[in-house]
Amino acid sequence: MTEPVTLYLVRHGESEFNAARRFAGRTDTPLTDVGRQQAVAVAEALAHVRFDRIVSSPLSRCRDTALVIARRQQLPVDLEPDLVEIDVGERTGTPFDEVAGLPGYEDGFVAWPRGETLEQVLSRAHRVITRIAAESAGQRVLIVGHGGVTRILMSHFLGLLPRLDKSPATNTNISVVVSDGVTHRVERLFTAAHLV
């Protein structure tokens, strides 16, 4: 049996759309000053962990967060297009409050007009996890990604889908999963003690 990989999933630092409380989706909204400070804080919190590899969504809010951590680890950052945030379609730029009453909101996932379904997001993100588990057996891999995609993955690993885990998940939160590509054990979920 393949030795499992230990995955550290980190959400990017605060972006300009996060600060404005708007859905960014695939818009390449940069980190704020707060987001850059959060990236430094999570890099320091993870300095004791020796990673073998760092993988990131290609959007700058993730890539720039990953680069701060990568400098501490002296590792390159591999960009993975399938980790990009949920395509929220026509809701791109919409304030969070305007989406609160839409169908599916209470379950944690709304229907995004001209955007992605939960199943589409899970399929592409899980494909990445499966590939990393196969390529990086026995290693520690850092994945810097987005709040929506990570919440869907963690909810899948916890056996909750189609409902989503509603635990608070601030920017630069850390989750840890041990995976062999088929089974997934959640060891930490959305922790953010480094921001206190």
N, C-alpha and C. Protein backbone atom coordinates (compact mmCIF):
# COMPACT_ATOMS: atom_id res chain seq x y z
N MET A 1 0.84 -1.20 0.00
CA MET A 1 0.00 0.00 0.00
C MET A 1 0.88 1.25 0.00
N THR A 2 0.47 2.27 -0.73
CA THR A 2 1.22 3.51 -0.84
C THR A 2 1.24 4.24 0.50
N GLU A 3 2.41 4.74 0.87
CA GLU A 3 2.51 5.53 2.11
C GLU A 3 1.75 6.83 1.91
N PRO A 4 0.92 7.22 2.89
CA PRO A 4 0.12 8.43 2.70
C PRO A 4 0.95 9.71 2.68
N VAL A 5 0.37 10.73 2.08
CA VAL A 5 0.95 12.06 2.06
C VAL A 5 0.26 12.89 3.13
N THR A 6 1.00 13.78 3.76
CA THR A 6 0.40 14.71 4.71
C THR A 6 0.24 16.06 4.02
N LEU A 7 -1.00 16.48 3.90
CA LEU A 7 -1.33 17.72 3.18
C LEU A 7 -1.66 18.83 4.17
N TYR A 8 -0.99 19.94 4.02
CA TYR A 8 -1.33 21.15 4.78
C TYR A 8 -2.05 22.08 3.79
N LEU A 9 -3.32 22.34 4.04
CA LEU A 9 -4.09 23.22 3.16
C LEU A 9 -4.24 24.58 3.83
N VAL A 10 -3.73 25.61 3.18
CA VAL A 10 -3.74 26.96 3.73
C VAL A 10 -4.52 27.87 2.80
N ARG A 11 -5.42 28.63 3.38
CA ARG A 11 -6.14 29.64 2.58
C ARG A 11 -5.23 30.86 2.40
N HIS A 12 -5.35 31.53 1.28
CA HIS A 12 -4.58 32.74 1.01
C HIS A 12 -4.87 33.84 2.03
N GLY A 13 -3.98 34.83 2.09
CA GLY A 13 -4.21 36.01 2.91
C GLY A 13 -5.36 36.85 2.39
N GLU A 14 -5.78 37.81 3.20
CA GLU A 14 -6.90 38.66 2.81
C GLU A 14 -6.65 39.36 1.48
N SER A 15 -7.63 39.27 0.59
CA SER A 15 -7.55 39.95 -0.71
C SER A 15 -8.39 41.22 -0.67
N GLU A 16 -8.25 42.03 -1.70
CA GLU A 16 -9.05 43.26 -1.78
C GLU A 16 -10.54 42.95 -1.81
N PHE A 17 -10.95 41.89 -2.51
CA PHE A 17 -12.37 41.52 -2.54
C PHE A 17 -12.81 40.97 -1.19
N ASN A 18 -11.95 40.23 -0.48
CA ASN A 18 -12.30 39.79 0.88
C ASN A 18 -12.60 41.00 1.75
N ALA A 19 -11.71 41.98 1.70
CA ALA A 19 -11.86 43.18 2.54
C ALA A 19 -13.15 43.93 2.19
N ALA A 20 -13.53 43.92 0.93
CA ALA A 20 -14.75 44.60 0.48
C ALA A 20 -15.99 43.73 0.66
N ARG A 21 -15.80 42.49 1.14
CA ARG A 21 -16.89 41.53 1.36
C ARG A 21 -17.67 41.28 0.06
N ARG A 22 -16.90 40.97 -1.00
CA ARG A 22 -17.49 40.65 -2.31
C ARG A 22 -16.95 39.31 -2.79
N PHE A 23 -17.76 38.60 -3.57
CA PHE A 23 -17.33 37.33 -4.14
C PHE A 23 -16.36 37.59 -5.29
N ALA A 24 -15.14 37.08 -5.15
CA ALA A 24 -14.12 37.28 -6.18
C ALA A 24 -14.18 36.21 -7.25
N GLY A 25 -14.46 34.96 -6.84
CA GLY A 25 -14.41 33.87 -7.81
C GLY A 25 -13.03 33.82 -8.45
N ARG A 26 -12.99 33.87 -9.76
CA ARG A 26 -11.71 33.76 -10.48
C ARG A 26 -11.08 35.11 -10.80
N THR A 27 -11.67 36.19 -10.30
CA THR A 27 -11.05 37.51 -10.46
C THR A 27 -9.72 37.50 -9.72
N ASP A 28 -8.68 38.02 -10.35
CA ASP A 28 -7.36 38.00 -9.73
C ASP A 28 -7.18 39.23 -8.84
N THR A 29 -7.84 39.20 -7.70
CA THR A 29 -7.79 40.31 -6.75
C THR A 29 -6.58 40.15 -5.83
N PRO A 30 -5.73 41.17 -5.72
CA PRO A 30 -4.47 41.03 -4.98
C PRO A 30 -4.65 41.05 -3.46
N LEU A 31 -3.59 40.67 -2.75
CA LEU A 31 -3.58 40.75 -1.30
C LEU A 31 -3.62 42.21 -0.84
N THR A 32 -4.26 42.42 0.29
CA THR A 32 -4.21 43.72 0.96
C THR A 32 -2.95 43.75 1.84
N ASP A 33 -2.69 44.89 2.47
CA ASP A 33 -1.59 44.96 3.43
C ASP A 33 -1.81 43.96 4.56
N VAL A 34 -3.05 43.84 5.01
CA VAL A 34 -3.38 42.85 6.05
C VAL A 34 -3.09 41.45 5.53
N GLY A 35 -3.46 41.17 4.29
CA GLY A 35 -3.22 39.86 3.70
C GLY A 35 -1.75 39.52 3.64
N ARG A 36 -0.92 40.52 3.32
CA ARG A 36 0.54 40.27 3.30
C ARG A 36 1.07 39.99 4.71
N GLN A 37 0.53 40.68 5.70
CA GLN A 37 0.92 40.41 7.09
C GLN A 37 0.48 39.01 7.52
N GLN A 38 -0.72 38.61 7.09
CA GLN A 38 -1.20 37.26 7.40
C GLN A 38 -0.32 36.20 6.76
N ALA A 39 0.16 36.46 5.56
CA ALA A 39 1.05 35.51 4.88
C ALA A 39 2.34 35.32 5.67
N VAL A 40 2.88 36.41 6.19
CA VAL A 40 4.09 36.32 7.03
C VAL A 40 3.78 35.53 8.29
N ALA A 41 2.63 35.79 8.91
CA ALA A 41 2.27 35.10 10.15
C ALA A 41 2.11 33.60 9.93
N VAL A 42 1.47 33.19 8.82
CA VAL A 42 1.30 31.75 8.59
C VAL A 42 2.63 31.12 8.22
N ALA A 43 3.50 31.85 7.52
CA ALA A 43 4.83 31.32 7.20
C ALA A 43 5.61 31.05 8.49
N GLU A 44 5.51 31.96 9.45
CA GLU A 44 6.18 31.77 10.73
C GLU A 44 5.58 30.60 11.50
N ALA A 45 4.25 30.48 11.45
CA ALA A 45 3.57 29.38 12.15
C ALA A 45 3.96 28.02 11.59
N LEU A 46 4.28 27.98 10.30
CA LEU A 46 4.62 26.72 9.64
C LEU A 46 6.13 26.50 9.52
N ALA A 47 6.93 27.41 10.06
CA ALA A 47 8.38 27.33 9.90
C ALA A 47 8.96 26.04 10.48
N HIS A 48 8.30 25.47 11.49
CA HIS A 48 8.80 24.24 12.12
C HIS A 48 8.48 22.98 11.31
N VAL A 49 7.62 23.12 10.29
CA VAL A 49 7.23 21.98 9.46
C VAL A 49 8.13 21.99 8.22
N ARG A 50 8.77 20.87 7.94
CA ARG A 50 9.63 20.79 6.74
C ARG A 50 8.82 20.21 5.60
N PHE A 51 8.49 21.06 4.64
CA PHE A 51 7.72 20.62 3.48
C PHE A 51 8.64 20.08 2.39
N ASP A 52 8.12 19.12 1.65
CA ASP A 52 8.83 18.57 0.50
C ASP A 52 8.42 19.27 -0.78
N ARG A 53 7.25 19.90 -0.75
CA ARG A 53 6.70 20.50 -1.96
C ARG A 53 5.66 21.54 -1.59
N ILE A 54 5.55 22.60 -2.40
CA ILE A 54 4.52 23.62 -2.22
C ILE A 54 3.76 23.78 -3.53
N VAL A 55 2.45 23.71 -3.45
CA VAL A 55 1.57 23.79 -4.61
C VAL A 55 0.58 24.93 -4.35
N SER A 56 0.24 25.69 -5.38
CA SER A 56 -0.66 26.82 -5.21
C SER A 56 -1.59 26.98 -6.39
N SER A 57 -2.76 27.55 -6.12
CA SER A 57 -3.61 28.09 -7.18
C SER A 57 -2.81 29.16 -7.91
N PRO A 58 -3.05 29.35 -9.21
CA PRO A 58 -2.30 30.36 -9.95
C PRO A 58 -2.73 31.80 -9.67
N LEU A 59 -3.87 32.02 -9.03
CA LEU A 59 -4.31 33.39 -8.77
C LEU A 59 -3.37 34.05 -7.77
N SER A 60 -3.11 35.34 -7.98
CA SER A 60 -2.04 36.02 -7.24
C SER A 60 -2.23 36.02 -5.73
N ARG A 61 -3.46 36.03 -5.25
CA ARG A 61 -3.67 36.04 -3.80
C ARG A 61 -3.14 34.75 -3.16
N CYS A 62 -3.23 33.64 -3.87
CA CYS A 62 -2.67 32.37 -3.40
C CYS A 62 -1.17 32.30 -3.69
N ARG A 63 -0.81 32.63 -4.91
CA ARG A 63 0.60 32.54 -5.30
C ARG A 63 1.47 33.42 -4.41
N ASP A 64 1.02 34.64 -4.11
CA ASP A 64 1.83 35.54 -3.29
C ASP A 64 1.91 35.06 -1.84
N THR A 65 0.83 34.46 -1.34
CA THR A 65 0.87 33.86 0.00
C THR A 65 1.85 32.69 0.01
N ALA A 66 1.76 31.84 -1.02
CA ALA A 66 2.64 30.68 -1.12
C ALA A 66 4.11 31.09 -1.21
N LEU A 67 4.39 32.16 -1.94
CA LEU A 67 5.78 32.60 -2.10
C LEU A 67 6.41 33.05 -0.79
N VAL A 68 5.62 33.66 0.08
CA VAL A 68 6.14 34.05 1.40
C VAL A 68 6.55 32.81 2.19
N ILE A 69 5.71 31.79 2.16
CA ILE A 69 6.01 30.54 2.87
C ILE A 69 7.19 29.84 2.20
N ALA A 70 7.20 29.84 0.88
CA ALA A 70 8.24 29.15 0.11
C ALA A 70 9.63 29.73 0.38
N ARG A 71 9.70 31.04 0.55
CA ARG A 71 11.00 31.66 0.86
C ARG A 71 11.56 31.12 2.18
N ARG A 72 10.68 30.96 3.18
CA ARG A 72 11.11 30.41 4.47
C ARG A 72 11.55 28.96 4.32
N GLN A 73 10.89 28.24 3.42
CA GLN A 73 11.15 26.81 3.24
C GLN A 73 12.24 26.54 2.20
N GLN A 74 12.62 27.57 1.46
CA GLN A 74 13.59 27.44 0.36
C GLN A 74 13.13 26.39 -0.65
N LEU A 75 11.88 26.57 -1.08
CA LEU A 75 11.27 25.67 -2.07
C LEU A 75 10.63 26.49 -3.18
N PRO A 76 10.52 25.91 -4.38
CA PRO A 76 9.75 26.57 -5.44
C PRO A 76 8.26 26.37 -5.19
N VAL A 77 7.45 27.11 -5.92
CA VAL A 77 6.00 26.97 -5.85
C VAL A 77 5.50 26.42 -7.19
N ASP A 78 4.83 25.27 -7.14
CA ASP A 78 4.22 24.68 -8.33
C ASP A 78 2.81 25.22 -8.46
N LEU A 79 2.46 25.78 -9.62
CA LEU A 79 1.12 26.31 -9.83
C LEU A 79 0.21 25.23 -10.41
N GLU A 80 -0.99 25.12 -9.85
CA GLU A 80 -1.92 24.08 -10.24
C GLU A 80 -3.26 24.73 -10.64
N PRO A 81 -3.55 24.81 -11.95
CA PRO A 81 -4.77 25.47 -12.41
C PRO A 81 -6.06 24.91 -11.82
N ASP A 82 -6.10 23.62 -11.54
CA ASP A 82 -7.33 23.02 -11.01
C ASP A 82 -7.63 23.40 -9.56
N LEU A 83 -6.73 24.16 -8.93
CA LEU A 83 -6.98 24.66 -7.58
C LEU A 83 -7.59 26.06 -7.58
N VAL A 84 -7.83 26.63 -8.77
CA VAL A 84 -8.39 27.97 -8.86
C VAL A 84 -9.75 28.01 -8.13
N GLU A 85 -10.13 29.21 -7.66
CA GLU A 85 -11.37 29.35 -6.89
C GLU A 85 -12.59 29.01 -7.75
N ILE A 86 -13.71 28.78 -7.07
CA ILE A 86 -14.98 28.48 -7.73
C ILE A 86 -15.32 29.60 -8.73
N ASP A 87 -15.76 29.20 -9.90
CA ASP A 87 -16.26 30.16 -10.88
C ASP A 87 -17.67 30.55 -10.43
N VAL A 88 -17.83 31.77 -9.92
CA VAL A 88 -19.14 32.21 -9.44
C VAL A 88 -19.95 32.90 -10.52
N GLY A 89 -19.48 32.83 -11.75
CA GLY A 89 -20.26 33.29 -12.90
C GLY A 89 -20.74 34.72 -12.77
N GLU A 90 -22.05 34.90 -12.94
CA GLU A 90 -22.64 36.24 -12.93
C GLU A 90 -22.58 36.91 -11.56
N ARG A 91 -22.26 36.14 -10.52
CA ARG A 91 -22.19 36.71 -9.17
C ARG A 91 -20.81 37.29 -8.85
N THR A 92 -19.88 37.25 -9.78
CA THR A 92 -18.56 37.82 -9.55
C THR A 92 -18.70 39.29 -9.17
N GLY A 93 -18.11 39.67 -8.05
CA GLY A 93 -18.18 41.04 -7.56
C GLY A 93 -19.38 41.34 -6.69
N THR A 94 -20.30 40.39 -6.56
CA THR A 94 -21.50 40.61 -5.76
C THR A 94 -21.16 40.66 -4.27
N PRO A 95 -21.74 41.62 -3.53
CA PRO A 95 -21.53 41.64 -2.07
C PRO A 95 -22.05 40.36 -1.41
N PHE A 96 -21.36 39.91 -0.37
CA PHE A 96 -21.78 38.70 0.34
C PHE A 96 -23.24 38.77 0.77
N ASP A 97 -23.65 39.94 1.28
CA ASP A 97 -25.00 40.07 1.84
C ASP A 97 -26.08 39.83 0.79
N GLU A 98 -25.79 40.10 -0.48
CA GLU A 98 -26.80 39.91 -1.53
C GLU A 98 -27.02 38.44 -1.87
N VAL A 99 -26.11 37.58 -1.47
CA VAL A 99 -26.22 36.16 -1.79
C VAL A 99 -26.87 35.38 -0.65
N ALA A 100 -26.98 36.00 0.51
CA ALA A 100 -27.45 35.30 1.72
C ALA A 100 -28.81 34.64 1.56
N GLY A 101 -29.72 35.21 0.78
CA GLY A 101 -31.05 34.64 0.66
C GLY A 101 -31.25 33.70 -0.50
N LEU A 102 -30.20 33.42 -1.26
CA LEU A 102 -30.34 32.58 -2.45
C LEU A 102 -30.53 31.11 -2.10
N PRO A 103 -31.20 30.33 -2.97
CA PRO A 103 -31.38 28.89 -2.73
C PRO A 103 -30.03 28.20 -2.54
N GLY A 104 -29.97 27.36 -1.51
CA GLY A 104 -28.75 26.61 -1.23
C GLY A 104 -27.84 27.29 -0.24
N TYR A 105 -28.08 28.57 0.07
CA TYR A 105 -27.17 29.31 0.94
C TYR A 105 -27.06 28.66 2.32
N GLU A 106 -28.18 28.24 2.87
CA GLU A 106 -28.15 27.64 4.22
C GLU A 106 -27.35 26.35 4.25
N ASP A 107 -27.32 25.63 3.13
CA ASP A 107 -26.51 24.41 3.04
C ASP A 107 -25.05 24.71 2.74
N GLY A 108 -24.76 25.95 2.39
CA GLY A 108 -23.38 26.34 2.19
C GLY A 108 -22.94 26.47 0.75
N PHE A 109 -23.78 26.09 -0.19
CA PHE A 109 -23.39 26.22 -1.60
C PHE A 109 -24.59 26.69 -2.40
N VAL A 110 -24.43 27.82 -3.07
CA VAL A 110 -25.51 28.35 -3.89
C VAL A 110 -25.30 27.94 -5.34
N ALA A 111 -26.36 28.06 -6.14
CA ALA A 111 -26.22 27.85 -7.57
C ALA A 111 -25.66 29.13 -8.17
N TRP A 112 -24.55 29.00 -8.88
CA TRP A 112 -23.90 30.17 -9.48
C TRP A 112 -24.31 30.28 -10.94
N PRO A 113 -25.17 31.25 -11.31
CA PRO A 113 -25.56 31.40 -12.72
C PRO A 113 -24.32 31.56 -13.61
N ARG A 114 -24.22 30.70 -14.64
CA ARG A 114 -23.09 30.66 -15.56
C ARG A 114 -21.77 30.38 -14.84
N GLY A 115 -21.86 29.74 -13.68
CA GLY A 115 -20.67 29.37 -12.91
C GLY A 115 -20.58 27.87 -12.74
N GLU A 116 -19.83 27.44 -11.74
CA GLU A 116 -19.59 26.01 -11.50
C GLU A 116 -20.57 25.42 -10.50
N THR A 117 -20.80 24.13 -10.63
CA THR A 117 -21.57 23.38 -9.63
C THR A 117 -20.61 22.84 -8.57
N LEU A 118 -21.17 22.44 -7.46
CA LEU A 118 -20.38 21.81 -6.40
C LEU A 118 -19.66 20.59 -6.95
N GLU A 119 -20.34 19.79 -7.74
CA GLU A 119 -19.75 18.57 -8.29
C GLU A 119 -18.56 18.87 -9.19
N GLN A 120 -18.66 19.93 -9.99
CA GLN A 120 -17.54 20.30 -10.87
C GLN A 120 -16.32 20.73 -10.07
N VAL A 121 -16.56 21.52 -9.02
CA VAL A 121 -15.44 21.98 -8.18
C VAL A 121 -14.79 20.80 -7.49
N LEU A 122 -15.60 19.92 -6.90
CA LEU A 122 -15.05 18.76 -6.21
C LEU A 122 -14.26 17.87 -7.16
N SER A 123 -14.77 17.66 -8.36
CA SER A 123 -14.10 16.78 -9.31
C SER A 123 -12.70 17.27 -9.64
N ARG A 124 -12.57 18.55 -9.97
CA ARG A 124 -11.25 19.05 -10.36
C ARG A 124 -10.29 19.14 -9.17
N ALA A 125 -10.81 19.56 -8.01
CA ALA A 125 -9.94 19.69 -6.84
C ALA A 125 -9.50 18.32 -6.32
N HIS A 126 -10.41 17.37 -6.32
CA HIS A 126 -10.07 16.02 -5.84
C HIS A 126 -9.07 15.36 -6.78
N ARG A 127 -9.16 15.66 -8.07
CA ARG A 127 -8.19 15.15 -9.04
C ARG A 127 -6.77 15.60 -8.66
N VAL A 128 -6.63 16.84 -8.21
CA VAL A 128 -5.33 17.35 -7.77
C VAL A 128 -4.84 16.58 -6.55
N ILE A 129 -5.71 16.38 -5.58
CA ILE A 129 -5.34 15.67 -4.35
C ILE A 129 -4.88 14.26 -4.67
N THR A 130 -5.62 13.58 -5.54
CA THR A 130 -5.27 12.21 -5.92
C THR A 130 -3.90 12.16 -6.59
N ARG A 131 -3.65 13.13 -7.48
CA ARG A 131 -2.37 13.17 -8.17
C ARG A 131 -1.22 13.47 -7.20
N ILE A 132 -1.42 14.41 -6.30
CA ILE A 132 -0.38 14.75 -5.32
C ILE A 132 -0.09 13.55 -4.42
N ALA A 133 -1.14 12.84 -4.01
CA ALA A 133 -0.94 11.66 -3.16
C ALA A 133 -0.11 10.60 -3.88
N ALA A 134 -0.33 10.45 -5.18
CA ALA A 134 0.42 9.46 -5.96
C ALA A 134 1.86 9.89 -6.17
N GLU A 135 2.08 11.19 -6.39
CA GLU A 135 3.42 11.70 -6.69
C GLU A 135 4.28 11.93 -5.45
N SER A 136 3.63 12.09 -4.29
CA SER A 136 4.35 12.57 -3.10
C SER A 136 4.16 11.66 -1.91
N ALA A 137 4.08 10.36 -2.13
CA ALA A 137 3.86 9.41 -1.04
C ALA A 137 4.89 9.60 0.06
N GLY A 138 4.41 9.63 1.29
CA GLY A 138 5.30 9.75 2.45
C GLY A 138 5.83 11.14 2.70
N GLN A 139 5.41 12.11 1.90
CA GLN A 139 5.93 13.47 2.03
C GLN A 139 4.93 14.41 2.69
N ARG A 140 5.41 15.63 2.98
CA ARG A 140 4.55 16.71 3.46
C ARG A 140 4.43 17.73 2.33
N VAL A 141 3.20 18.04 1.98
CA VAL A 141 2.94 18.96 0.87
C VAL A 141 2.05 20.09 1.37
N LEU A 142 2.46 21.32 1.09
CA LEU A 142 1.66 22.50 1.39
C LEU A 142 0.86 22.87 0.16
N ILE A 143 -0.44 23.07 0.33
CA ILE A 143 -1.31 23.52 -0.75
C ILE A 143 -1.91 24.85 -0.33
N VAL A 144 -1.63 25.91 -1.09
CA VAL A 144 -2.22 27.22 -0.82
C VAL A 144 -3.35 27.43 -1.80
N GLY A 145 -4.54 27.58 -1.26
CA GLY A 145 -5.72 27.67 -2.12
C GLY A 145 -6.75 28.66 -1.60
N HIS A 146 -7.98 28.42 -2.01
CA HIS A 146 -9.09 29.35 -1.79
C HIS A 146 -10.08 28.80 -0.78
N GLY A 147 -10.80 29.72 -0.15
CA GLY A 147 -11.77 29.34 0.87
C GLY A 147 -12.84 28.40 0.36
N GLY A 148 -13.41 28.70 -0.80
CA GLY A 148 -14.50 27.87 -1.32
C GLY A 148 -14.06 26.47 -1.70
N VAL A 149 -12.99 26.36 -2.45
CA VAL A 149 -12.51 25.05 -2.90
C VAL A 149 -12.06 24.21 -1.70
N THR A 150 -11.34 24.82 -0.77
CA THR A 150 -10.87 24.07 0.40
C THR A 150 -12.04 23.61 1.26
N ARG A 151 -13.05 24.44 1.43
CA ARG A 151 -14.22 24.03 2.23
C ARG A 151 -14.92 22.83 1.58
N ILE A 152 -15.03 22.83 0.27
CA ILE A 152 -15.65 21.70 -0.42
C ILE A 152 -14.82 20.43 -0.22
N LEU A 153 -13.51 20.54 -0.39
CA LEU A 153 -12.64 19.38 -0.19
C LEU A 153 -12.75 18.85 1.25
N MET A 154 -12.67 19.74 2.23
CA MET A 154 -12.72 19.30 3.63
C MET A 154 -14.07 18.68 3.96
N SER A 155 -15.14 19.24 3.42
CA SER A 155 -16.47 18.67 3.65
C SER A 155 -16.58 17.28 3.03
N HIS A 156 -15.94 17.09 1.87
CA HIS A 156 -15.90 15.76 1.25
C HIS A 156 -15.11 14.79 2.13
N PHE A 157 -13.95 15.22 2.60
CA PHE A 157 -13.13 14.35 3.44
C PHE A 157 -13.85 13.98 4.74
N LEU A 158 -14.70 14.88 5.24
CA LEU A 158 -15.45 14.63 6.48
C LEU A 158 -16.74 13.86 6.23
N GLY A 159 -17.06 13.57 4.95
CA GLY A 159 -18.27 12.81 4.62
C GLY A 159 -19.55 13.62 4.74
N LEU A 160 -19.49 14.94 4.58
CA LEU A 160 -20.65 15.81 4.78
C LEU A 160 -21.39 16.17 3.50
N LEU A 161 -20.70 16.12 2.36
CA LEU A 161 -21.33 16.59 1.11
C LEU A 161 -22.60 15.80 0.82
N PRO A 162 -23.64 16.48 0.26
CA PRO A 162 -23.59 17.80 -0.37
C PRO A 162 -23.68 18.98 0.60
N ARG A 163 -23.83 18.75 1.90
CA ARG A 163 -23.76 19.87 2.85
C ARG A 163 -22.30 20.24 3.06
N LEU A 164 -22.07 21.49 3.41
CA LEU A 164 -20.72 21.96 3.66
C LEU A 164 -20.51 22.22 5.15
N ASP A 165 -19.31 21.90 5.63
CA ASP A 165 -18.94 22.24 6.99
C ASP A 165 -19.02 23.76 7.14
N LYS A 166 -19.61 24.24 8.23
CA LYS A 166 -19.81 25.68 8.42
C LYS A 166 -18.83 26.29 9.42
N SER A 167 -17.78 25.56 9.78
CA SER A 167 -16.81 26.10 10.74
C SER A 167 -16.22 27.40 10.19
N PRO A 168 -15.93 28.38 11.07
CA PRO A 168 -15.27 29.60 10.61
C PRO A 168 -13.94 29.26 9.95
N ALA A 169 -13.62 29.97 8.86
CA ALA A 169 -12.40 29.68 8.11
C ALA A 169 -11.78 30.99 7.62
N THR A 170 -11.09 31.66 8.51
CA THR A 170 -10.51 32.96 8.20
C THR A 170 -9.38 32.83 7.17
N ASN A 171 -8.94 33.94 6.65
CA ASN A 171 -7.80 33.93 5.74
C ASN A 171 -6.58 33.36 6.44
N THR A 172 -5.79 32.60 5.71
CA THR A 172 -4.57 31.87 6.14
C THR A 172 -4.85 30.81 7.20
N ASN A 173 -6.10 30.34 7.30
CA ASN A 173 -6.34 29.19 8.18
C ASN A 173 -5.60 27.97 7.66
N ILE A 174 -5.34 27.03 8.56
CA ILE A 174 -4.58 25.82 8.23
C ILE A 174 -5.43 24.59 8.52
N SER A 175 -5.52 23.70 7.53
CA SER A 175 -6.12 22.38 7.74
C SER A 175 -5.07 21.34 7.39
N VAL A 176 -5.14 20.18 8.05
CA VAL A 176 -4.19 19.11 7.79
C VAL A 176 -4.96 17.82 7.51
N VAL A 177 -4.58 17.17 6.41
CA VAL A 177 -5.23 15.93 5.99
C VAL A 177 -4.15 14.91 5.65
N VAL A 178 -4.32 13.68 6.12
CA VAL A 178 -3.44 12.58 5.73
C VAL A 178 -4.21 11.74 4.72
N SER A 179 -3.62 11.57 3.52
CA SER A 179 -4.36 10.94 2.42
C SER A 179 -3.48 9.97 1.64
N ASP A 180 -4.09 8.86 1.23
CA ASP A 180 -3.42 7.96 0.29
C ASP A 180 -4.04 8.09 -1.10
N GLY A 181 -4.85 9.12 -1.29
CA GLY A 181 -5.53 9.34 -2.55
C GLY A 181 -6.92 8.75 -2.60
N VAL A 182 -7.19 7.79 -1.70
CA VAL A 182 -8.51 7.15 -1.64
C VAL A 182 -9.19 7.47 -0.32
N THR A 183 -8.45 7.29 0.78
CA THR A 183 -8.97 7.61 2.10
C THR A 183 -8.30 8.90 2.59
N HIS A 184 -9.04 9.65 3.40
CA HIS A 184 -8.57 10.95 3.85
C HIS A 184 -8.91 11.13 5.33
N ARG A 185 -7.89 11.38 6.15
CA ARG A 185 -8.10 11.59 7.59
C ARG A 185 -7.81 13.05 7.92
N VAL A 186 -8.84 13.75 8.40
CA VAL A 186 -8.68 15.16 8.77
C VAL A 186 -8.09 15.25 10.17
N GLU A 187 -6.93 15.89 10.27
CA GLU A 187 -6.26 16.04 11.57
C GLU A 187 -6.42 17.44 12.16
N ARG A 188 -6.56 18.44 11.31
CA ARG A 188 -6.82 19.82 11.75
C ARG A 188 -7.79 20.44 10.77
N LEU A 189 -8.67 21.30 11.30
CA LEU A 189 -9.68 21.92 10.45
C LEU A 189 -9.73 23.42 10.69
N PHE A 190 -9.31 24.20 9.69
CA PHE A 190 -9.47 25.65 9.67
C PHE A 190 -8.89 26.35 10.91
N THR A 191 -7.74 25.93 11.39
CA THR A 191 -7.16 26.55 12.58
C THR A 191 -6.42 27.84 12.20
N ALA A 192 -6.44 28.81 13.11
CA ALA A 192 -5.84 30.10 12.81
C ALA A 192 -5.25 30.76 14.06
N ALA A 193 -4.66 29.95 14.94
CA ALA A 193 -4.10 30.50 16.18
C ALA A 193 -2.98 31.50 15.90
N HIS A 194 -2.34 31.38 14.74
CA HIS A 194 -1.22 32.28 14.40
C HIS A 194 -1.68 33.73 14.16
N LEU A 195 -2.99 33.93 14.04
CA LEU A 195 -3.51 35.29 13.82
C LEU A 195 -3.94 35.98 15.08
N VAL A 196 -3.86 35.31 16.21
CA VAL A 196 -4.28 35.89 17.49
C VAL A 196 -3.29 36.92 17.98
